[in-house]
């Protein structure tokens, strides 16, 4: 059951990242045919390679893997909140932009994830 769940997560995250790259390429200067399958396989094999490298360095203790997953997730949320905040203030029409309470919450969330991501990085290095 856990194996199937992990496969589903790897598949869905690779699809999402591949679609985002393809959309970005279509919006940018690169015009023409996009091979979504190749982009998808790049991301799926990147995740497999990352997991393999972890095990090659003998990082297999469940507690360490959970902490590593939490740190990677917190850093991803840090980037995600920043991008959503930027999109809300630059890309959507002013009538649909968030009010000041939501802006404050987004900034506090950004600072929260940023602080703890930085704290972990400084602790490790």
Protein backbone atom coordinates (compact mmCIF):
# COMPACT_ATOMS: atom_id res chain seq x y z
CA UNK A 1 0.00 0.00 0.00
CA UNK A 2 2.80 2.43 0.90
CA UNK A 3 4.68 1.53 -2.28
CA UNK A 4 1.64 2.36 -4.42
CA UNK A 5 1.14 5.63 -2.52
CA UNK A 6 4.76 6.64 -3.12
CA UNK A 7 4.50 5.80 -6.82
CA UNK A 8 1.37 7.93 -7.06
CA UNK A 9 3.08 10.86 -5.35
CA UNK A 10 6.13 10.64 -7.58
CA UNK A 11 3.92 10.43 -10.67
CA UNK A 12 1.73 13.39 -9.73
CA UNK A 13 4.61 15.65 -8.69
CA UNK A 14 6.50 14.84 -11.89
CA UNK A 15 3.42 15.57 -13.98
CA UNK A 16 2.83 18.90 -12.23
CA UNK A 17 6.45 19.99 -12.62
CA UNK A 18 6.56 18.87 -16.26
CA UNK A 19 3.38 20.76 -17.08
CA UNK A 20 4.71 23.91 -15.40
CA UNK A 21 7.96 23.72 -17.39
CA UNK A 22 6.02 23.16 -20.61
CA UNK A 23 3.73 26.12 -19.90
CA UNK A 24 6.74 28.30 -19.14
CA UNK A 25 8.42 27.25 -22.39
CA UNK A 26 5.26 28.03 -24.36
CA UNK A 27 4.98 31.47 -22.75
CA UNK A 28 8.63 32.29 -23.29
CA UNK A 29 10.67 32.73 -26.40
CA UNK A 30 10.81 29.01 -27.15
CA UNK A 31 8.06 28.32 -29.65
CA UNK A 32 7.29 25.06 -31.35
CA UNK A 33 6.59 21.55 -30.27
CA UNK A 34 7.04 20.63 -26.60
CA UNK A 35 7.82 17.02 -25.74
CA UNK A 36 6.01 16.68 -22.42
CA UNK A 37 7.02 13.02 -22.06
CA UNK A 38 10.72 13.86 -22.04
CA UNK A 39 10.21 16.59 -19.42
CA UNK A 40 8.12 14.20 -17.31
CA UNK A 41 10.77 11.47 -17.49
CA UNK A 42 13.45 13.98 -16.52
CA UNK A 43 11.56 14.82 -13.32
CA UNK A 44 10.58 11.26 -12.44
CA UNK A 45 14.14 9.99 -12.90
CA UNK A 46 15.45 12.98 -10.97
CA UNK A 47 13.35 11.93 -7.99
CA UNK A 48 14.48 8.32 -8.33
CA UNK A 49 18.12 9.42 -8.54
CA UNK A 50 17.71 11.63 -5.46
CA UNK A 51 16.31 8.69 -3.48
CA UNK A 52 19.08 6.42 -4.71
CA UNK A 53 21.75 8.93 -3.67
CA UNK A 54 20.21 9.11 -0.19
CA UNK A 55 20.49 5.35 0.21
CA UNK A 56 24.00 5.26 -1.27
CA UNK A 57 25.10 7.66 1.48
CA UNK A 58 23.49 5.28 3.98
CA UNK A 59 20.72 7.70 4.86
CA UNK A 60 18.03 5.15 5.60
CA UNK A 61 17.03 5.79 9.19
CA UNK A 62 13.28 6.60 9.21
CA UNK A 63 13.65 9.54 11.60
CA UNK A 64 16.34 11.14 9.42
CA UNK A 65 14.26 10.64 6.28
CA UNK A 66 11.19 12.20 7.93
CA UNK A 67 13.22 15.20 9.07
CA UNK A 68 14.81 15.56 5.63
CA UNK A 69 11.37 15.39 4.03
CA UNK A 70 10.06 18.04 6.42
CA UNK A 71 12.99 20.36 5.69
CA UNK A 72 12.60 19.98 1.92
CA UNK A 73 8.86 20.56 2.28
CA UNK A 74 9.37 23.70 4.38
CA UNK A 75 11.80 25.12 1.84
CA UNK A 76 9.37 24.32 -0.98
CA UNK A 77 6.57 26.09 0.93
CA UNK A 78 8.88 29.09 1.43
CA UNK A 79 9.33 29.35 -2.34
CA UNK A 80 5.65 28.59 -2.99
CA UNK A 81 4.36 31.35 -0.69
CA UNK A 82 6.76 33.87 -2.26
CA UNK A 83 5.61 32.97 -5.79
CA UNK A 84 1.92 33.09 -4.88
CA UNK A 85 2.41 36.47 -3.18
CA UNK A 86 4.21 37.80 -6.25
CA UNK A 87 1.56 36.46 -8.61
CA UNK A 88 -1.22 37.96 -6.51
CA UNK A 89 0.37 41.39 -6.75
CA UNK A 90 1.69 41.42 -10.30
CA UNK A 91 -0.32 39.13 -12.53
CA UNK A 92 -3.98 39.27 -11.53
CA UNK A 93 -6.25 42.30 -11.96
CA UNK A 94 -6.41 44.69 -9.00
CA UNK A 95 -10.06 43.91 -8.33
CA UNK A 96 -9.14 40.27 -7.54
CA UNK A 97 -6.06 40.97 -5.44
CA UNK A 98 -6.12 39.99 -1.76
CA UNK A 99 -6.97 42.49 0.97
CA UNK A 100 -4.44 43.69 3.55
CA UNK A 101 -5.28 40.97 6.11
CA UNK A 102 -4.46 38.24 3.61
CA UNK A 103 -1.29 40.09 2.61
CA UNK A 104 -0.17 40.18 6.24
CA UNK A 105 -0.91 36.47 6.66
CA UNK A 106 1.07 35.67 3.49
CA UNK A 107 4.06 37.74 4.67
CA UNK A 108 4.00 36.10 8.13
CA UNK A 109 3.81 32.65 6.51
CA UNK A 110 6.69 33.54 4.19
CA UNK A 111 8.81 34.73 7.11
CA UNK A 112 7.90 31.64 9.17
CA UNK A 113 9.02 29.17 6.51
CA UNK A 114 12.02 31.30 5.58
CA UNK A 115 13.21 31.58 9.19
CA UNK A 116 13.06 27.86 9.85
CA UNK A 117 14.57 26.95 6.46
CA UNK A 118 17.47 29.31 7.17
CA UNK A 119 17.80 27.99 10.71
CA UNK A 120 18.15 24.42 9.48
CA UNK A 121 20.64 25.40 6.78
CA UNK A 122 22.76 27.33 9.27
CA UNK A 123 22.62 24.41 11.70
CA UNK A 124 23.84 21.99 9.04
CA UNK A 125 26.63 24.17 7.70
